[in-house]
């Protein structure tokens, strides 16, 4: 069902963007495929109320449909709402990768910024994590999927905020 909904949103966004932009802008390369590799730490305690956060550092690498490339060091912050739909307790060290597609952007710098994210992490000694993130803005649409290997102890499931920031 999620895939069907995403396909519908992508189709609608594509039709709307095509109607709002001329062919020259589309030919300049407004689709970027990106990947990130990162390492970091997640920790916290939250049962609806509380705090659980993730901070990771890594590299964002992108390519356009026209062969242009982009590479940048980034910081990834995932934070729960102080009162919100997150349940978790634990401490995890992690290493992960993510893949992202960004539509209707002339430059991958647009990938930086704020996202809404669903996040799952579980570990008893070792474990795994997963998140999906979506960024909507006119006319931008970005979708990010990540998997992580974890070391630590705990469990976290929630809907949170994600921010990707460029670092020098």
C-alpha atoms as a PDB file:
ATOM      1  CA  UNK A   1       0.000   0.000   0.000  1.00  0.00           C
ATOM      2  CA  UNK A   2       2.873   2.398   0.836  1.00  0.00           C
ATOM      3  CA  UNK A   3       4.456   1.743  -2.567  1.00  0.00           C
ATOM      4  CA  UNK A   4       1.152   2.417  -4.333  1.00  0.00           C
ATOM      5  CA  UNK A   5       0.709   5.670  -2.421  1.00  0.00           C
ATOM      6  CA  UNK A   6       4.294   6.745  -3.181  1.00  0.00           C
ATOM      7  CA  UNK A   7       3.806   5.915  -6.869  1.00  0.00           C
ATOM      8  CA  UNK A   8       0.622   8.014  -6.890  1.00  0.00           C
ATOM      9  CA  UNK A   9       2.391  10.963  -5.242  1.00  0.00           C
ATOM     10  CA  UNK A  10       5.336  10.687  -7.664  1.00  0.00           C
ATOM     11  CA  UNK A  11       2.982  10.538 -10.647  1.00  0.00           C
ATOM     12  CA  UNK A  12       0.944  13.517  -9.422  1.00  0.00           C
ATOM     13  CA  UNK A  13       4.084  15.518  -8.612  1.00  0.00           C
ATOM     14  CA  UNK A  14       5.560  14.678 -12.008  1.00  0.00           C
ATOM     15  CA  UNK A  15       2.463  15.803 -13.885  1.00  0.00           C
ATOM     16  CA  UNK A  16       2.224  18.996 -11.830  1.00  0.00           C
ATOM     17  CA  UNK A  17       5.926  19.820 -12.225  1.00  0.00           C
ATOM     18  CA  UNK A  18       5.860  19.192 -15.966  1.00  0.00           C
ATOM     19  CA  UNK A  19       2.912  21.533 -16.281  1.00  0.00           C
ATOM     20  CA  UNK A  20       4.759  24.220 -14.321  1.00  0.00           C
ATOM     21  CA  UNK A  21       8.170  23.990 -15.974  1.00  0.00           C
ATOM     22  CA  UNK A  22       9.234  24.210 -19.562  1.00  0.00           C
ATOM     23  CA  UNK A  23      11.155  21.542 -21.475  1.00  0.00           C
ATOM     24  CA  UNK A  24      14.488  23.396 -21.169  1.00  0.00           C
ATOM     25  CA  UNK A  25      14.469  23.100 -17.355  1.00  0.00           C
ATOM     26  CA  UNK A  26      13.609  19.414 -17.509  1.00  0.00           C
ATOM     27  CA  UNK A  27      16.474  18.794 -19.939  1.00  0.00           C
ATOM     28  CA  UNK A  28      18.955  20.427 -17.496  1.00  0.00           C
ATOM     29  CA  UNK A  29      18.757  17.433 -15.205  1.00  0.00           C
ATOM     30  CA  UNK A  30      16.171  17.722 -12.477  1.00  0.00           C
ATOM     31  CA  UNK A  31      16.479  14.142 -11.242  1.00  0.00           C
ATOM     32  CA  UNK A  32      19.284  13.118  -8.867  1.00  0.00           C
ATOM     33  CA  UNK A  33      20.033   9.667  -7.465  1.00  0.00           C
ATOM     34  CA  UNK A  34      22.072   9.809  -4.274  1.00  0.00           C
ATOM     35  CA  UNK A  35      23.615   7.530  -1.697  1.00  0.00           C
ATOM     36  CA  UNK A  36      24.998   8.115   1.783  1.00  0.00           C
ATOM     37  CA  UNK A  37      27.380   6.124   3.962  1.00  0.00           C
ATOM     38  CA  UNK A  38      27.453   7.096   7.626  1.00  0.00           C
ATOM     39  CA  UNK A  39      28.471   6.129  11.168  1.00  0.00           C
ATOM     40  CA  UNK A  40      26.994   7.416  14.393  1.00  0.00           C
ATOM     41  CA  UNK A  41      25.195   6.885  17.681  1.00  0.00           C
ATOM     42  CA  UNK A  42      21.513   6.626  18.684  1.00  0.00           C
ATOM     43  CA  UNK A  43      20.484   6.948  22.319  1.00  0.00           C
ATOM     44  CA  UNK A  44      17.614   7.925  24.520  1.00  0.00           C
ATOM     45  CA  UNK A  45      14.514   7.019  26.494  1.00  0.00           C
ATOM     46  CA  UNK A  46      11.017   7.788  25.285  1.00  0.00           C
ATOM     47  CA  UNK A  47       7.541   6.383  25.717  1.00  0.00           C
ATOM     48  CA  UNK A  48       5.456   9.021  23.916  1.00  0.00           C
ATOM     49  CA  UNK A  49       7.168  11.592  26.195  1.00  0.00           C
ATOM     50  CA  UNK A  50      10.963  11.813  26.396  1.00  0.00           C
ATOM     51  CA  UNK A  51      13.954  12.189  24.126  1.00  0.00           C
ATOM     52  CA  UNK A  52      15.623   9.825  21.649  1.00  0.00           C
ATOM     53  CA  UNK A  53      18.155  11.038  19.117  1.00  0.00           C
ATOM     54  CA  UNK A  54      20.640   9.975  16.481  1.00  0.00           C
ATOM     55  CA  UNK A  55      23.740  11.803  15.278  1.00  0.00           C
ATOM     56  CA  UNK A  56      25.811  10.417  12.421  1.00  0.00           C
ATOM     57  CA  UNK A  57      28.482  11.666  10.026  1.00  0.00           C
ATOM     58  CA  UNK A  58      29.095  10.489   6.499  1.00  0.00           C
ATOM     59  CA  UNK A  59      29.350  11.260   2.810  1.00  0.00           C
ATOM     60  CA  UNK A  60      26.581  12.130   0.361  1.00  0.00           C
ATOM     61  CA  UNK A  61      27.328  11.111  -3.244  1.00  0.00           C
ATOM     62  CA  UNK A  62      24.957  11.939  -6.118  1.00  0.00           C
ATOM     63  CA  UNK A  63      24.661  11.572  -9.891  1.00  0.00           C
ATOM     64  CA  UNK A  64      22.221  13.278 -12.250  1.00  0.00           C
ATOM     65  CA  UNK A  65      20.509  11.698 -15.234  1.00  0.00           C
ATOM     66  CA  UNK A  66      23.014  13.623 -17.384  1.00  0.00           C
ATOM     67  CA  UNK A  67      26.112  12.205 -15.687  1.00  0.00           C
ATOM     68  CA  UNK A  68      26.907  15.141 -13.385  1.00  0.00           C
ATOM     69  CA  UNK A  69      28.292  14.090  -9.990  1.00  0.00           C
ATOM     70  CA  UNK A  70      28.277  15.655  -6.534  1.00  0.00           C
ATOM     71  CA  UNK A  71      29.987  14.626  -3.282  1.00  0.00           C
ATOM     72  CA  UNK A  72      29.735  16.265   0.138  1.00  0.00           C
ATOM     73  CA  UNK A  73      30.432  15.424   3.787  1.00  0.00           C
ATOM     74  CA  UNK A  74      27.231  15.564   5.846  1.00  0.00           C
ATOM     75  CA  UNK A  75      25.866  15.350   9.378  1.00  0.00           C
ATOM     76  CA  UNK A  76      22.635  13.418   9.908  1.00  0.00           C
ATOM     77  CA  UNK A  77      20.467  14.228  12.927  1.00  0.00           C
ATOM     78  CA  UNK A  78      17.310  12.298  13.751  1.00  0.00           C
ATOM     79  CA  UNK A  79      15.366  13.597  16.720  1.00  0.00           C
ATOM     80  CA  UNK A  80      12.101  12.589  18.304  1.00  0.00           C
ATOM     81  CA  UNK A  81       9.363  15.028  19.170  1.00  0.00           C
ATOM     82  CA  UNK A  82       9.300  15.771  22.921  1.00  0.00           C
ATOM     83  CA  UNK A  83       5.743  14.440  22.934  1.00  0.00           C
ATOM     84  CA  UNK A  84       5.144  12.246  19.938  1.00  0.00           C
ATOM     85  CA  UNK A  85       4.708   8.838  18.345  1.00  0.00           C
ATOM     86  CA  UNK A  86       8.046   7.324  19.421  1.00  0.00           C
ATOM     87  CA  UNK A  87       8.687   4.442  21.794  1.00  0.00           C
ATOM     88  CA  UNK A  88      12.264   3.513  22.627  1.00  0.00           C
ATOM     89  CA  UNK A  89      14.989   2.918  25.130  1.00  0.00           C
ATOM     90  CA  UNK A  90      18.615   2.134  24.462  1.00  0.00           C
ATOM     91  CA  UNK A  91      22.035   3.004  23.153  1.00  0.00           C
ATOM     92  CA  UNK A  92      23.290   1.969  19.693  1.00  0.00           C
ATOM     93  CA  UNK A  93      26.473   2.519  17.733  1.00  0.00           C
ATOM     94  CA  UNK A  94      25.687   2.224  14.044  1.00  0.00           C
ATOM     95  CA  UNK A  95      27.035   2.114  10.531  1.00  0.00           C
ATOM     96  CA  UNK A  96      24.598   2.543   7.686  1.00  0.00           C
ATOM     97  CA  UNK A  97      23.914   3.257   4.064  1.00  0.00           C
ATOM     98  CA  UNK A  98      21.004   4.995   2.408  1.00  0.00           C
ATOM     99  CA  UNK A  99      19.706   5.564  -1.065  1.00  0.00           C
ATOM    100  CA  UNK A 100      17.748   8.621  -2.132  1.00  0.00           C
ATOM    101  CA  UNK A 101      15.997   9.854  -5.217  1.00  0.00           C
ATOM    102  CA  UNK A 102      15.227  13.532  -5.589  1.00  0.00           C
ATOM    103  CA  UNK A 103      12.915  14.854  -8.280  1.00  0.00           C
ATOM    104  CA  UNK A 104      12.545  18.349  -9.740  1.00  0.00           C
ATOM    105  CA  UNK A 105      15.833  19.741  -8.358  1.00  0.00           C
ATOM    106  CA  UNK A 106      18.532  21.400 -10.421  1.00  0.00           C
ATOM    107  CA  UNK A 107      21.209  20.691  -7.810  1.00  0.00           C
ATOM    108  CA  UNK A 108      21.604  18.035  -5.083  1.00  0.00           C
ATOM    109  CA  UNK A 109      22.138  20.747  -2.430  1.00  0.00           C
ATOM    110  CA  UNK A 110      18.320  20.635  -2.307  1.00  0.00           C
ATOM    111  CA  UNK A 111      18.612  17.203  -0.674  1.00  0.00           C
ATOM    112  CA  UNK A 112      20.039  18.864   2.421  1.00  0.00           C
ATOM    113  CA  UNK A 113      17.430  19.956   4.930  1.00  0.00           C
ATOM    114  CA  UNK A 114      14.496  18.659   6.948  1.00  0.00           C
ATOM    115  CA  UNK A 115      12.588  15.409   6.417  1.00  0.00           C
ATOM    116  CA  UNK A 116       9.807  13.446   8.096  1.00  0.00           C
ATOM    117  CA  UNK A 117      11.064   9.976   8.987  1.00  0.00           C
ATOM    118  CA  UNK A 118       9.785   6.628  10.228  1.00  0.00           C
ATOM    119  CA  UNK A 119      12.567   4.909  12.125  1.00  0.00           C
ATOM    120  CA  UNK A 120      13.030   1.366  13.508  1.00  0.00           C
ATOM    121  CA  UNK A 121      16.060   0.125  15.463  1.00  0.00           C
ATOM    122  CA  UNK A 122      16.543  -3.014  17.576  1.00  0.00           C
ATOM    123  CA  UNK A 123      19.690  -4.567  19.047  1.00  0.00           C
ATOM    124  CA  UNK A 124      20.731  -7.027  21.735  1.00  0.00           C
ATOM    125  CA  UNK A 125      24.495  -6.961  21.354  1.00  0.00           C
ATOM    126  CA  UNK A 126      24.071  -6.656  17.586  1.00  0.00           C
ATOM    127  CA  UNK A 127      21.065  -5.672  15.547  1.00  0.00           C
ATOM    128  CA  UNK A 128      19.658  -3.718  12.650  1.00  0.00           C
ATOM    129  CA  UNK A 129      17.882  -0.483  11.905  1.00  0.00           C
ATOM    130  CA  UNK A 130      15.828   0.923   9.068  1.00  0.00           C
ATOM    131  CA  UNK A 131      14.335   4.293   8.190  1.00  0.00           C
ATOM    132  CA  UNK A 132      12.367   5.900   5.392  1.00  0.00           C
ATOM    133  CA  UNK A 133      12.349   9.662   5.020  1.00  0.00           C
ATOM    134  CA  UNK A 134      10.306  11.993   2.828  1.00  0.00           C
ATOM    135  CA  UNK A 135      10.871  15.638   1.970  1.00  0.00           C
ATOM    136  CA  UNK A 136       8.113  17.538   0.205  1.00  0.00           C
ATOM    137  CA  UNK A 137       8.466  21.081  -1.034  1.00  0.00           C
ATOM    138  CA  UNK A 138       7.272  22.907  -4.091  1.00  0.00           C
ATOM    139  CA  UNK A 139       8.190  21.530  -6.540  1.00  0.00           C
ATOM    140  CA  UNK A 140      10.682  19.155  -4.845  1.00  0.00           C
ATOM    141  CA  UNK A 141      10.069  15.558  -3.834  1.00  0.00           C
ATOM    142  CA  UNK A 142      12.787  13.484  -2.156  1.00  0.00           C
ATOM    143  CA  UNK A 143      12.533   9.943  -0.786  1.00  0.00           C
ATOM    144  CA  UNK A 144      15.266   8.276   1.286  1.00  0.00           C
ATOM    145  CA  UNK A 145      15.571   4.642   2.458  1.00  0.00           C
ATOM    146  CA  UNK A 146      18.300   3.537   4.882  1.00  0.00           C
ATOM    147  CA  UNK A 147      19.505   0.352   6.558  1.00  0.00           C
ATOM    148  CA  UNK A 148      21.952   0.196   9.470  1.00  0.00           C
ATOM    149  CA  UNK A 149      23.950  -2.377  11.379  1.00  0.00           C
ATOM    150  CA  UNK A 150      23.820  -1.733  15.121  1.00  0.00           C
ATOM    151  CA  UNK A 151      25.846  -2.597  18.182  1.00  0.00           C
ATOM    152  CA  UNK A 152      24.261  -1.994  21.553  1.00  0.00           C
ATOM    153  CA  UNK A 153      21.113  -2.725  23.488  1.00  0.00           C
ATOM    154  CA  UNK A 154      17.622  -1.388  22.992  1.00  0.00           C
ATOM    155  CA  UNK A 155      14.586  -0.844  20.809  1.00  0.00           C
ATOM    156  CA  UNK A 156      13.158   2.208  19.078  1.00  0.00           C
ATOM    157  CA  UNK A 157      10.137   2.663  16.806  1.00  0.00           C
ATOM    158  CA  UNK A 158       8.770   6.057  15.860  1.00  0.00           C
ATOM    159  CA  UNK A 159       7.929   8.937  13.598  1.00  0.00           C
ATOM    160  CA  UNK A 160      10.580  11.614  13.937  1.00  0.00           C
ATOM    161  CA  UNK A 161      12.396  14.555  12.345  1.00  0.00           C
ATOM    162  CA  UNK A 162      15.530  14.130  10.213  1.00  0.00           C
ATOM    163  CA  UNK A 163      17.946  16.863   9.180  1.00  0.00           C
ATOM    164  CA  UNK A 164      20.820  16.443   6.710  1.00  0.00           C
ATOM    165  CA  UNK A 165      23.405  19.241   7.008  1.00  0.00           C
ATOM    166  CA  UNK A 166      26.519  19.862   4.929  1.00  0.00           C
ATOM    167  CA  UNK A 167      29.790  20.084   6.859  1.00  0.00           C
ATOM    168  CA  UNK A 168      33.179  21.273   5.681  1.00  0.00           C
END
